[in-house]
């Protein structure tokens, strides 16, 4: 068994669906953080069976839209002085801006550069969003 010690300050991203920890790590650019970051995969969980977990030992502003989009049920624990100071559970964001791309070849966004392209959540069960310009459906992949 591997033991990873408590962190004194920073963030713990818990309840990440097993297999999505690495995707989150890359999407949040955690490889660029100079302070300690630990990604644990396949941890036993009584409620999830297996889960992934990320510990970040620094004060870091995360993109919660990306976090909620990739892992909508993740729990963010804010650690201060070695104790959890606050806890936040994420959900799928209603609006996503500048993260998704429209796959419709006839969409204006494929021809012209659109700054802060928006997508709106239409089906929370399948995490499906529609393009603000052409209503084409897409998902984060």
Foldseek 3Di string as FASTA:
>chain_A
DDDDDFAAWDKKWPPFQAPLQVVVCVVQVVVPDPFDKDKAGQPQDPVRRGHIMMTGRDDDDTDVQVVCQSGVQIKMFGHHRRDGPDIDGGHHDQKDWPPDDDPPCPFPVVVDPDHTWMWGQDDRVVQWTATPTPGDIDGDD
